[in-house]
C-alpha cells in the first residue's frame, strides 16, 4: 500500500472513497506516486509502466493519464496530476487548499 496525503493506493482511495481503476491504471498511479513531486518524462513512464517497444507516436499513455485524472482529481476538485508541457507529467504531493500531503508511505513503514 502507498499513501500520498489523502490518496491511498492499495486499491485506490482518496479521502476514504474507493476509486475503481484498472490494473494498468494501478501500475501507472503506483509509478507516479513513487515519483511524486518530480517531473516524469513520457519516455520514463513508457519504459517503466509499458513495454519499452511503444513508439512515441502512440497516445496510449496520454489516454491512461486522462483516465487517472478523471478518477483521482476531477471528482475531488483538485489538480494533483498535471501535464508539464513538452516534458511529461507531475503528480504533486501538495493539492492546494488541503495543504501538504507529505511523502508516500509504504505499507509497513512508520
PDB file of N, CA and C in Angstrom:
ATOM      1  N   UNK A   1       0.847  -1.174   0.000  1.00  0.00           N
ATOM      2  CA  UNK A   1       0.000   0.000   0.000  1.00  0.00           C
ATOM      3  C   UNK A   1       0.892   1.236   0.000  1.00  0.00           C
ATOM      4  N   UNK A   2       0.541   2.223  -0.819  1.00  0.00           N
ATOM      5  CA  UNK A   2       1.217   3.517  -0.855  1.00  0.00           C
ATOM      6  C   UNK A   2       0.219   4.592  -0.477  1.00  0.00           C
ATOM      7  N   UNK A   3       0.667   5.583   0.264  1.00  0.00           N
ATOM      8  CA  UNK A   3      -0.195   6.700   0.630  1.00  0.00           C
ATOM      9  C   UNK A   3       0.523   7.994   0.301  1.00  0.00           C
ATOM     10  N   UNK A   4      -0.184   8.891  -0.369  1.00  0.00           N
ATOM     11  CA  UNK A   4       0.316  10.229  -0.642  1.00  0.00           C
ATOM     12  C   UNK A   4      -0.776  11.171  -0.195  1.00  0.00           C
ATOM     13  N   UNK A   5      -0.672  11.649   1.048  1.00  0.00           N
ATOM     14  CA  UNK A   5      -1.714  12.504   1.624  1.00  0.00           C
ATOM     15  C   UNK A   5      -3.033  11.772   1.710  1.00  0.00           C
ATOM     16  N   UNK A   6      -4.062  12.340   1.105  1.00  0.00           N
ATOM     17  CA  UNK A   6      -5.396  11.751   1.154  1.00  0.00           C
ATOM     18  C   UNK A   6      -5.583  10.641   0.129  1.00  0.00           C
ATOM     19  N   UNK A   7      -4.593  10.425  -0.758  1.00  0.00           N
ATOM     20  CA  UNK A   7      -4.676   9.394  -1.788  1.00  0.00           C
ATOM     21  C   UNK A   7      -3.973   8.144  -1.303  1.00  0.00           C
ATOM     22  N   UNK A   8      -4.700   7.017  -1.257  1.00  0.00           N
ATOM     23  CA  UNK A   8      -4.135   5.740  -0.844  1.00  0.00           C
ATOM     24  C   UNK A   8      -4.243   4.770  -1.999  1.00  0.00           C
ATOM     25  N   UNK A   9      -3.131   4.097  -2.312  1.00  0.00           N
ATOM     26  CA  UNK A   9      -3.113   3.108  -3.377  1.00  0.00           C
ATOM     27  C   UNK A   9      -2.915   1.747  -2.745  1.00  0.00           C
ATOM     28  N   UNK A  10      -3.992   1.028  -2.582  1.00  0.00           N
ATOM     29  CA  UNK A  10      -3.984  -0.354  -2.110  1.00  0.00           C
ATOM     30  C   UNK A  10      -4.922  -0.999  -3.086  1.00  0.00           C
ATOM     31  N   UNK A  11      -6.142  -0.736  -2.895  1.00  0.00           N
ATOM     32  CA  UNK A  11      -6.986  -0.420  -4.012  1.00  0.00           C
ATOM     33  C   UNK A  11      -7.022   1.082  -3.852  1.00  0.00           C
ATOM     34  N   UNK A  12      -7.145   1.821  -4.903  1.00  0.00           N
ATOM     35  CA  UNK A  12      -7.001   3.278  -4.809  1.00  0.00           C
ATOM     36  C   UNK A  12      -8.140   3.902  -4.022  1.00  0.00           C
ATOM     37  N   UNK A  13      -7.781   4.867  -3.164  1.00  0.00           N
ATOM     38  CA  UNK A  13      -8.760   5.616  -2.373  1.00  0.00           C
ATOM     39  C   UNK A  13      -8.271   7.048  -2.255  1.00  0.00           C
ATOM     40  N   UNK A  14      -9.197   7.969  -2.200  1.00  0.00           N
ATOM     41  CA  UNK A  14      -8.871   9.360  -1.884  1.00  0.00           C
ATOM     42  C   UNK A  14      -9.910   9.807  -0.886  1.00  0.00           C
ATOM     43  N   UNK A  15      -9.418  10.349   0.240  1.00  0.00           N
ATOM     44  CA  UNK A  15     -10.301  10.805   1.319  1.00  0.00           C
ATOM     45  C   UNK A  15     -11.251   9.696   1.757  1.00  0.00           C
ATOM     46  N   UNK A  16     -10.757   8.456   1.739  1.00  0.00           N
ATOM     47  CA  UNK A  16     -11.555   7.323   2.194  1.00  0.00           C
ATOM     48  C   UNK A  16     -12.559   6.800   1.191  1.00  0.00           C
ATOM     49  N   UNK A  17     -12.628   7.412   0.017  1.00  0.00           N
ATOM     50  CA  UNK A  17     -13.583   6.987  -1.002  1.00  0.00           C
ATOM     51  C   UNK A  17     -12.858   6.105  -2.007  1.00  0.00           C
ATOM     52  N   UNK A  18     -13.406   4.907  -2.246  1.00  0.00           N
ATOM     53  CA  UNK A  18     -12.806   3.986  -3.201  1.00  0.00           C
ATOM     54  C   UNK A  18     -12.844   4.533  -4.615  1.00  0.00           C
ATOM     55  N   UNK A  19     -11.770   4.278  -5.367  1.00  0.00           N
ATOM     56  CA  UNK A  19     -11.673   4.689  -6.764  1.00  0.00           C
ATOM     57  C   UNK A  19     -11.427   3.428  -7.583  1.00  0.00           C
ATOM     58  N   UNK A  20     -12.314   3.145  -8.511  1.00  0.00           N
ATOM     59  CA  UNK A  20     -12.164   1.951  -9.345  1.00  0.00           C
ATOM     60  C   UNK A  20     -11.161   2.233 -10.457  1.00  0.00           C
ATOM     61  N   UNK A  21     -10.077   1.470 -10.458  1.00  0.00           N
ATOM     62  CA  UNK A  21      -9.079   1.621 -11.508  1.00  0.00           C
ATOM     63  C   UNK A  21      -8.709   0.253 -12.062  1.00  0.00           C
ATOM     64  N   UNK A  22      -8.260   0.247 -13.300  1.00  0.00           N
ATOM     65  CA  UNK A  22      -7.840  -0.980 -13.962  1.00  0.00           C
ATOM     66  C   UNK A  22      -6.431  -1.354 -13.494  1.00  0.00           C
ATOM     67  N   UNK A  23      -5.999  -2.585 -13.764  1.00  0.00           N
ATOM     68  CA  UNK A  23      -4.627  -2.958 -13.399  1.00  0.00           C
ATOM     69  C   UNK A  23      -3.569  -2.028 -14.009  1.00  0.00           C
ATOM     70  N   UNK A  24      -3.742  -1.613 -15.259  1.00  0.00           N
ATOM     71  CA  UNK A  24      -2.764  -0.719 -15.893  1.00  0.00           C
ATOM     72  C   UNK A  24      -2.784   0.659 -15.221  1.00  0.00           C
ATOM     73  N   UNK A  25      -3.970   1.162 -14.895  1.00  0.00           N
ATOM     74  CA  UNK A  25      -4.068   2.441 -14.187  1.00  0.00           C
ATOM     75  C   UNK A  25      -3.387   2.341 -12.827  1.00  0.00           C
ATOM     76  N   UNK A  26      -3.531   1.195 -12.173  1.00  0.00           N
ATOM     77  CA  UNK A  26      -2.884   0.968 -10.880  1.00  0.00           C
ATOM     78  C   UNK A  26      -1.363   1.064 -11.030  1.00  0.00           C
ATOM     79  N   UNK A  27      -0.820   0.367 -12.046  1.00  0.00           N
ATOM     80  CA  UNK A  27       0.629   0.397 -12.277  1.00  0.00           C
ATOM     81  C   UNK A  27       1.117   1.818 -12.535  1.00  0.00           C
ATOM     82  N   UNK A  28       0.367   2.545 -13.350  1.00  0.00           N
ATOM     83  CA  UNK A  28       0.730   3.922 -13.673  1.00  0.00           C
ATOM     84  C   UNK A  28       0.673   4.806 -12.433  1.00  0.00           C
ATOM     85  N   UNK A  29      -0.388   4.691 -11.660  1.00  0.00           N
ATOM     86  CA  UNK A  29      -0.524   5.504 -10.455  1.00  0.00           C
ATOM     87  C   UNK A  29       0.545   5.148  -9.427  1.00  0.00           C
ATOM     88  N   UNK A  30       0.853   3.873  -9.276  1.00  0.00           N
ATOM     89  CA  UNK A  30       1.915   3.470  -8.350  1.00  0.00           C
ATOM     90  C   UNK A  30       3.245   4.103  -8.758  1.00  0.00           C
ATOM     91  N   UNK A  31       3.562   4.048 -10.045  1.00  0.00           N
ATOM     92  CA  UNK A  31       4.810   4.647 -10.523  1.00  0.00           C
ATOM     93  C   UNK A  31       4.842   6.147 -10.238  1.00  0.00           C
ATOM     94  N   UNK A  32       3.746   6.823 -10.525  1.00  0.00           N
ATOM     95  CA  UNK A  32       3.692   8.272 -10.308  1.00  0.00           C
ATOM     96  C   UNK A  32       3.764   8.632  -8.825  1.00  0.00           C
ATOM     97  N   UNK A  33       3.131   7.846  -7.967  1.00  0.00           N
ATOM     98  CA  UNK A  33       3.208   8.108  -6.522  1.00  0.00           C
ATOM     99  C   UNK A  33       4.643   7.937  -6.031  1.00  0.00           C
ATOM    100  N   UNK A  34       5.314   6.906  -6.498  1.00  0.00           N
ATOM    101  CA  UNK A  34       6.707   6.695  -6.083  1.00  0.00           C
ATOM    102  C   UNK A  34       7.617   7.835  -6.557  1.00  0.00           C
ATOM    103  N   UNK A  35       7.217   8.533  -7.601  1.00  0.00           N
ATOM    104  CA  UNK A  35       7.995   9.650  -8.151  1.00  0.00           C
ATOM    105  C   UNK A  35       7.309  10.996  -7.896  1.00  0.00           C
ATOM    106  N   UNK A  36       6.456  11.067  -6.874  1.00  0.00           N
ATOM    107  CA  UNK A  36       5.697  12.297  -6.617  1.00  0.00           C
ATOM    108  C   UNK A  36       6.621  13.508  -6.488  1.00  0.00           C
ATOM    109  N   UNK A  37       6.079  14.648  -6.878  1.00  0.00           N
ATOM    110  CA  UNK A  37       6.788  15.923  -6.832  1.00  0.00           C
ATOM    111  C   UNK A  37       8.026  15.961  -7.724  1.00  0.00           C
ATOM    112  N   UNK A  38       8.102  15.036  -8.679  1.00  0.00           N
ATOM    113  CA  UNK A  38       9.171  15.029  -9.674  1.00  0.00           C
ATOM    114  C   UNK A  38       8.521  15.033 -11.053  1.00  0.00           C
ATOM    115  N   UNK A  39       9.090  15.771 -11.977  1.00  0.00           N
ATOM    116  CA  UNK A  39       8.605  15.699 -13.350  1.00  0.00           C
ATOM    117  C   UNK A  39       9.080  14.370 -13.924  1.00  0.00           C
ATOM    118  N   UNK A  40       8.133  13.601 -14.429  1.00  0.00           N
ATOM    119  CA  UNK A  40       8.429  12.293 -15.007  1.00  0.00           C
ATOM    120  C   UNK A  40       8.211  12.409 -16.512  1.00  0.00           C
ATOM    121  N   UNK A  41       9.234  12.064 -17.283  1.00  0.00           N
ATOM    122  CA  UNK A  41       9.103  12.183 -18.729  1.00  0.00           C
ATOM    123  C   UNK A  41       8.205  11.081 -19.281  1.00  0.00           C
ATOM    124  N   UNK A  42       7.676  11.352 -20.459  1.00  0.00           N
ATOM    125  CA  UNK A  42       6.845  10.350 -21.118  1.00  0.00           C
ATOM    126  C   UNK A  42       7.649   9.083 -21.375  1.00  0.00           C
ATOM    127  N   UNK A  43       8.905   9.226 -21.762  1.00  0.00           N
ATOM    128  CA  UNK A  43       9.762   8.064 -22.019  1.00  0.00           C
ATOM    129  C   UNK A  43       9.941   7.251 -20.742  1.00  0.00           C
ATOM    130  N   UNK A  44      10.148   7.903 -19.595  1.00  0.00           N
ATOM    131  CA  UNK A  44      10.296   7.182 -18.322  1.00  0.00           C
ATOM    132  C   UNK A  44       9.031   6.398 -18.002  1.00  0.00           C
ATOM    133  N   UNK A  45       7.884   7.010 -18.230  1.00  0.00           N
ATOM    134  CA  UNK A  45       6.623   6.315 -17.961  1.00  0.00           C
ATOM    135  C   UNK A  45       6.493   5.110 -18.876  1.00  0.00           C
ATOM    136  N   UNK A  46       6.742   5.309 -20.169  1.00  0.00           N
ATOM    137  CA  UNK A  46       6.633   4.192 -21.111  1.00  0.00           C
ATOM    138  C   UNK A  46       7.600   3.072 -20.751  1.00  0.00           C
ATOM    139  N   UNK A  47       8.834   3.420 -20.404  1.00  0.00           N
ATOM    140  CA  UNK A  47       9.844   2.408 -20.075  1.00  0.00           C
ATOM    141  C   UNK A  47       9.529   1.654 -18.788  1.00  0.00           C
ATOM    142  N   UNK A  48       8.863   2.307 -17.844  1.00  0.00           N
ATOM    143  CA  UNK A  48       8.629   1.693 -16.539  1.00  0.00           C
ATOM    144  C   UNK A  48       7.240   1.116 -16.341  1.00  0.00           C
ATOM    145  N   UNK A  49       6.280   1.546 -17.134  1.00  0.00           N
ATOM    146  CA  UNK A  49       4.909   1.063 -16.961  1.00  0.00           C
ATOM    147  C   UNK A  49       4.468   0.229 -18.157  1.00  0.00           C
ATOM    148  N   UNK A  50       4.930   0.601 -19.339  1.00  0.00           N
ATOM    149  CA  UNK A  50       4.604  -0.139 -20.554  1.00  0.00           C
ATOM    150  C   UNK A  50       5.858  -0.798 -21.082  1.00  0.00           C
ATOM    151  N   UNK A  51       5.677  -1.704 -22.021  1.00  0.00           N
ATOM    152  CA  UNK A  51       6.788  -2.306 -22.734  1.00  0.00           C
ATOM    153  C   UNK A  51       7.529  -1.188 -23.460  1.00  0.00           C
ATOM    154  N   UNK A  52       8.829  -1.173 -23.376  1.00  0.00           N
ATOM    155  CA  UNK A  52       9.611  -0.081 -23.960  1.00  0.00           C
ATOM    156  C   UNK A  52       9.549  -0.044 -25.478  1.00  0.00           C
ATOM    157  N   UNK A  53       8.906  -1.022 -26.103  1.00  0.00           N
ATOM    158  CA  UNK A  53       8.794  -1.019 -27.559  1.00  0.00           C
ATOM    159  C   UNK A  53       7.706  -0.074 -28.056  1.00  0.00           C
ATOM    160  N   UNK A  54       6.943   0.538 -27.135  1.00  0.00           N
ATOM    161  CA  UNK A  54       5.928   1.505 -27.562  1.00  0.00           C
ATOM    162  C   UNK A  54       6.612   2.640 -28.308  1.00  0.00           C
ATOM    163  N   UNK A  55       6.014   3.060 -29.383  1.00  0.00           N
ATOM    164  CA  UNK A  55       6.537   4.171 -30.177  1.00  0.00           C
ATOM    165  C   UNK A  55       6.069   5.496 -29.576  1.00  0.00           C
ATOM    166  N   UNK A  56       6.849   6.524 -29.744  1.00  0.00           N
ATOM    167  CA  UNK A  56       6.492   7.850 -29.238  1.00  0.00           C
ATOM    168  C   UNK A  56       5.176   8.348 -29.813  1.00  0.00           C
ATOM    169  N   UNK A  57       4.826   7.932 -31.019  1.00  0.00           N
ATOM    170  CA  UNK A  57       3.589   8.376 -31.638  1.00  0.00           C
ATOM    171  C   UNK A  57       2.345   7.782 -31.002  1.00  0.00           C
ATOM    172  N   UNK A  58       2.504   6.684 -30.270  1.00  0.00           N
ATOM    173  CA  UNK A  58       1.356   6.067 -29.609  1.00  0.00           C
ATOM    174  C   UNK A  58       0.850   6.999 -28.517  1.00  0.00           C
ATOM    175  N   UNK A  59      -0.469   7.135 -28.429  1.00  0.00           N
ATOM    176  CA  UNK A  59      -1.017   8.023 -27.402  1.00  0.00           C
ATOM    177  C   UNK A  59      -1.672   7.246 -26.265  1.00  0.00           C
ATOM    178  N   UNK A  60      -1.349   5.969 -26.157  1.00  0.00           N
ATOM    179  CA  UNK A  60      -1.943   5.130 -25.117  1.00  0.00           C
ATOM    180  C   UNK A  60      -1.671   5.700 -23.732  1.00  0.00           C
ATOM    181  N   UNK A  61      -0.439   6.127 -23.485  1.00  0.00           N
ATOM    182  CA  UNK A  61      -0.095   6.662 -22.171  1.00  0.00           C
ATOM    183  C   UNK A  61      -0.919   7.909 -21.860  1.00  0.00           C
ATOM    184  N   UNK A  62      -1.062   8.798 -22.827  1.00  0.00           N
ATOM    185  CA  UNK A  62      -1.837  10.018 -22.615  1.00  0.00           C
ATOM    186  C   UNK A  62      -3.291   9.696 -22.300  1.00  0.00           C
ATOM    187  N   UNK A  63      -3.814   8.674 -22.962  1.00  0.00           N
ATOM    188  CA  UNK A  63      -5.191   8.242 -22.700  1.00  0.00           C
ATOM    189  C   UNK A  63      -5.316   7.767 -21.256  1.00  0.00           C
ATOM    190  N   UNK A  64      -4.364   6.958 -20.787  1.00  0.00           N
ATOM    191  CA  UNK A  64      -4.413   6.458 -19.412  1.00  0.00           C
ATOM    192  C   UNK A  64      -4.201   7.569 -18.386  1.00  0.00           C
ATOM    193  N   UNK A  65      -3.361   8.542 -18.705  1.00  0.00           N
ATOM    194  CA  UNK A  65      -3.210   9.700 -17.822  1.00  0.00           C
ATOM    195  C   UNK A  65      -4.557  10.399 -17.693  1.00  0.00           C
ATOM    196  N   UNK A  66      -5.251  10.557 -18.807  1.00  0.00           N
ATOM    197  CA  UNK A  66      -6.582  11.175 -18.786  1.00  0.00           C
ATOM    198  C   UNK A  66      -7.561  10.386 -17.942  1.00  0.00           C
ATOM    199  N   UNK A  67      -7.530   9.051 -18.064  1.00  0.00           N
ATOM    200  CA  UNK A  67      -8.399   8.205 -17.233  1.00  0.00           C
ATOM    201  C   UNK A  67      -8.122   8.463 -15.756  1.00  0.00           C
ATOM    202  N   UNK A  68      -6.829   8.472 -15.392  1.00  0.00           N
ATOM    203  CA  UNK A  68      -6.475   8.687 -13.983  1.00  0.00           C
ATOM    204  C   UNK A  68      -6.916  10.058 -13.493  1.00  0.00           C
ATOM    205  N   UNK A  69      -6.692  11.083 -14.285  1.00  0.00           N
ATOM    206  CA  UNK A  69      -7.092  12.432 -13.864  1.00  0.00           C
ATOM    207  C   UNK A  69      -8.590  12.496 -13.611  1.00  0.00           C
ATOM    208  N   UNK A  70      -9.372  11.823 -14.454  1.00  0.00           N
ATOM    209  CA  UNK A  70     -10.829  11.817 -14.270  1.00  0.00           C
ATOM    210  C   UNK A  70     -11.243  11.022 -13.036  1.00  0.00           C
ATOM    211  N   UNK A  71     -10.378  10.146 -12.561  1.00  0.00           N
ATOM    212  CA  UNK A  71     -10.726   9.325 -11.397  1.00  0.00           C
ATOM    213  C   UNK A  71     -10.151   9.856 -10.090  1.00  0.00           C
ATOM    214  N   UNK A  72      -8.912  10.376 -10.119  1.00  0.00           N
ATOM    215  CA  UNK A  72      -8.272  10.772  -8.854  1.00  0.00           C
ATOM    216  C   UNK A  72      -8.313  12.266  -8.583  1.00  0.00           C
ATOM    217  N   UNK A  73      -8.582  13.072  -9.597  1.00  0.00           N
ATOM    218  CA  UNK A  73      -8.561  14.525  -9.418  1.00  0.00           C
ATOM    219  C   UNK A  73      -9.929  15.168  -9.587  1.00  0.00           C
ATOM    220  N   UNK A  74     -10.496  15.041 -10.752  1.00  0.00           N
ATOM    221  CA  UNK A  74     -11.715  15.781 -11.101  1.00  0.00           C
ATOM    222  C   UNK A  74     -12.846  15.581 -10.097  1.00  0.00           C
ATOM    223  N   UNK A  75     -13.164  14.339  -9.669  1.00  0.00           N
ATOM    224  CA  UNK A  75     -14.271  14.185  -8.715  1.00  0.00           C
ATOM    225  C   UNK A  75     -14.023  14.870  -7.369  1.00  0.00           C
ATOM    226  N   UNK A  76     -12.758  15.155  -7.069  1.00  0.00           N
ATOM    227  CA  UNK A  76     -12.396  15.741  -5.782  1.00  0.00           C
ATOM    228  C   UNK A  76     -12.061  17.226  -5.894  1.00  0.00           C
ATOM    229  N   UNK A  77     -12.187  17.773  -7.101  1.00  0.00           N
ATOM    230  CA  UNK A  77     -11.947  19.196  -7.310  1.00  0.00           C
ATOM    231  C   UNK A  77     -10.504  19.620  -7.128  1.00  0.00           C
ATOM    232  N   UNK A  78      -9.567  18.731  -7.445  1.00  0.00           N
ATOM    233  CA  UNK A  78      -8.149  19.057  -7.295  1.00  0.00           C
ATOM    234  C   UNK A  78      -7.417  18.803  -8.607  1.00  0.00           C
ATOM    235  N   UNK A  79      -6.169  19.225  -8.654  1.00  0.00           N
ATOM    236  CA  UNK A  79      -5.333  19.053  -9.840  1.00  0.00           C
ATOM    237  C   UNK A  79      -3.960  18.549  -9.407  1.00  0.00           C
ATOM    238  N   UNK A  80      -3.892  17.323  -8.914  1.00  0.00           N
ATOM    239  CA  UNK A  80      -2.607  16.806  -8.439  1.00  0.00           C
ATOM    240  C   UNK A  80      -1.779  16.197  -9.562  1.00  0.00           C
ATOM    241  N   UNK A  81      -2.424  15.682 -10.606  1.00  0.00           N
ATOM    242  CA  UNK A  81      -1.723  15.078 -11.739  1.00  0.00           C
ATOM    243  C   UNK A  81      -1.812  16.051 -12.911  1.00  0.00           C
ATOM    244  N   UNK A  82      -0.680  16.681 -13.218  1.00  0.00           N
ATOM    245  CA  UNK A  82      -0.692  17.733 -14.229  1.00  0.00           C
ATOM    246  C   UNK A  82       0.339  17.468 -15.320  1.00  0.00           C
ATOM    247  N   UNK A  83       0.017  17.872 -16.549  1.00  0.00           N
ATOM    248  CA  UNK A  83       1.000  17.758 -17.626  1.00  0.00           C
ATOM    249  C   UNK A  83       2.053  18.851 -17.491  1.00  0.00           C
ATOM    250  N   UNK A  84       3.269  18.539 -17.895  1.00  0.00           N
ATOM    251  CA  UNK A  84       4.349  19.516 -17.959  1.00  0.00           C
ATOM    252  C   UNK A  84       4.694  19.628 -19.438  1.00  0.00           C
ATOM    253  N   UNK A  85       4.339  20.727 -20.027  1.00  0.00           N
ATOM    254  CA  UNK A  85       4.415  20.896 -21.474  1.00  0.00           C
ATOM    255  C   UNK A  85       5.777  20.501 -22.049  1.00  0.00           C
ATOM    256  N   UNK A  86       5.718  19.638 -23.053  1.00  0.00           N
ATOM    257  CA  UNK A  86       6.915  19.222 -23.760  1.00  0.00           C
ATOM    258  C   UNK A  86       7.796  18.247 -23.008  1.00  0.00           C
ATOM    259  N   UNK A  87       7.395  17.864 -21.796  1.00  0.00           N
ATOM    260  CA  UNK A  87       8.249  17.008 -20.973  1.00  0.00           C
ATOM    261  C   UNK A  87       7.556  15.733 -20.535  1.00  0.00           C
ATOM    262  N   UNK A  88       6.496  15.864 -19.753  1.00  0.00           N
ATOM    263  CA  UNK A  88       5.844  14.692 -19.185  1.00  0.00           C
ATOM    264  C   UNK A  88       4.753  15.089 -18.225  1.00  0.00           C
ATOM    265  N   UNK A  89       4.816  14.526 -17.011  1.00  0.00           N
ATOM    266  CA  UNK A  89       3.751  14.732 -16.035  1.00  0.00           C
ATOM    267  C   UNK A  89       4.335  14.898 -14.645  1.00  0.00           C
ATOM    268  N   UNK A  90       3.516  15.500 -13.783  1.00  0.00           N
ATOM    269  CA  UNK A  90       3.901  15.740 -12.399  1.00  0.00           C
ATOM    270  C   UNK A  90       2.727  15.367 -11.508  1.00  0.00           C
ATOM    271  N   UNK A  91       2.962  14.469 -10.552  1.00  0.00           N
ATOM    272  CA  UNK A  91       1.964  14.153  -9.526  1.00  0.00           C
ATOM    273  C   UNK A  91       2.411  14.885  -8.274  1.00  0.00           C
ATOM    274  N   UNK A  92       1.635  15.859  -7.883  1.00  0.00           N
ATOM    275  CA  UNK A  92       2.011  16.706  -6.753  1.00  0.00           C
ATOM    276  C   UNK A  92       1.581  16.104  -5.436  1.00  0.00           C
ATOM    277  N   UNK A  93       2.455  16.266  -4.445  1.00  0.00           N
ATOM    278  CA  UNK A  93       2.115  15.885  -3.091  1.00  0.00           C
ATOM    279  C   UNK A  93       1.343  16.981  -2.387  1.00  0.00           C
ATOM    280  N   UNK A  94       1.259  18.147  -3.002  1.00  0.00           N
ATOM    281  CA  UNK A  94       0.509  19.285  -2.464  1.00  0.00           C
ATOM    282  C   UNK A  94      -0.649  19.525  -3.414  1.00  0.00           C
ATOM    283  N   UNK A  95      -1.859  19.594  -2.854  1.00  0.00           N
ATOM    284  CA  UNK A  95      -3.035  19.735  -3.709  1.00  0.00           C
ATOM    285  C   UNK A  95      -3.864  20.950  -3.341  1.00  0.00           C
ATOM    286  N   UNK A  96      -3.225  22.080  -3.215  1.00  0.00           N
ATOM    287  CA  UNK A  96      -3.954  23.323  -2.989  1.00  0.00           C
ATOM    288  C   UNK A  96      -4.454  23.479  -1.576  1.00  0.00           C
ATOM    289  N   UNK A  97      -5.748  23.729  -1.420  1.00  0.00           N
ATOM    290  CA  UNK A  97      -6.340  24.076  -0.129  1.00  0.00           C
ATOM    291  C   UNK A  97      -6.145  23.008   0.933  1.00  0.00           C
ATOM    292  N   UNK A  98      -5.983  21.749   0.534  1.00  0.00           N
ATOM    293  CA  UNK A  98      -5.839  20.686   1.530  1.00  0.00           C
ATOM    294  C   UNK A  98      -4.463  20.686   2.179  1.00  0.00           C
ATOM    295  N   UNK A  99      -3.495  21.449   1.612  1.00  0.00           N
ATOM    296  CA  UNK A  99      -2.179  21.548   2.225  1.00  0.00           C
ATOM    297  C   UNK A  99      -1.257  20.420   1.828  1.00  0.00           C
ATOM    298  N   UNK A 100      -0.141  20.336   2.529  1.00  0.00           N
ATOM    299  CA  UNK A 100       0.909  19.371   2.214  1.00  0.00           C
ATOM    300  C   UNK A 100       0.431  17.967   2.493  1.00  0.00           C
ATOM    301  N   UNK A 101       0.582  17.102   1.491  1.00  0.00           N
ATOM    302  CA  UNK A 101       0.187  15.714   1.674  1.00  0.00           C
ATOM    303  C   UNK A 101       1.294  14.892   2.311  1.00  0.00           C
ATOM    304  N   UNK A 102       2.524  15.265   2.073  1.00  0.00           N
ATOM    305  CA  UNK A 102       3.634  14.516   2.633  1.00  0.00           C
ATOM    306  C   UNK A 102       4.120  13.441   1.688  1.00  0.00           C
ATOM    307  N   UNK A 103       5.241  12.796   2.031  1.00  0.00           N
ATOM    308  CA  UNK A 103       5.817  11.780   1.165  1.00  0.00           C
ATOM    309  C   UNK A 103       4.983  10.511   1.170  1.00  0.00           C
ATOM    310  N   UNK A 104       5.151   9.677   0.146  1.00  0.00           N
ATOM    311  CA  UNK A 104       4.420   8.424   0.142  1.00  0.00           C
ATOM    312  C   UNK A 104       4.896   7.527   1.274  1.00  0.00           C
ATOM    313  N   UNK A 105       4.006   6.732   1.805  1.00  0.00           N
ATOM    314  CA  UNK A 105       4.326   5.797   2.880  1.00  0.00           C
ATOM    315  C   UNK A 105       4.022   4.401   2.377  1.00  0.00           C
ATOM    316  N   UNK A 106       5.016   3.528   2.419  1.00  0.00           N
ATOM    317  CA  UNK A 106       4.807   2.145   2.028  1.00  0.00           C
ATOM    318  C   UNK A 106       4.201   1.380   3.181  1.00  0.00           C
ATOM    319  N   UNK A 107       3.332   0.426   2.876  1.00  0.00           N
ATOM    320  CA  UNK A 107       2.707  -0.390   3.902  1.00  0.00           C
ATOM    321  C   UNK A 107       3.790  -1.014   4.772  1.00  0.00           C
ATOM    322  N   UNK A 108       3.640  -0.930   6.065  1.00  0.00           N
ATOM    323  CA  UNK A 108       4.602  -1.497   6.997  1.00  0.00           C
ATOM    324  C   UNK A 108       5.646  -0.505   7.475  1.00  0.00           C
ATOM    325  N   UNK A 109       5.711   0.682   6.860  1.00  0.00           N
ATOM    326  CA  UNK A 109       6.651   1.712   7.308  1.00  0.00           C
ATOM    327  C   UNK A 109       5.955   2.653   8.263  1.00  0.00           C
ATOM    328  N   UNK A 110       6.701   3.237   9.159  1.00  0.00           N
ATOM    329  CA  UNK A 110       6.130   4.230  10.084  1.00  0.00           C
ATOM    330  C   UNK A 110       6.877   5.519   9.972  1.00  0.00           C
TER     331      UNK A 110
END
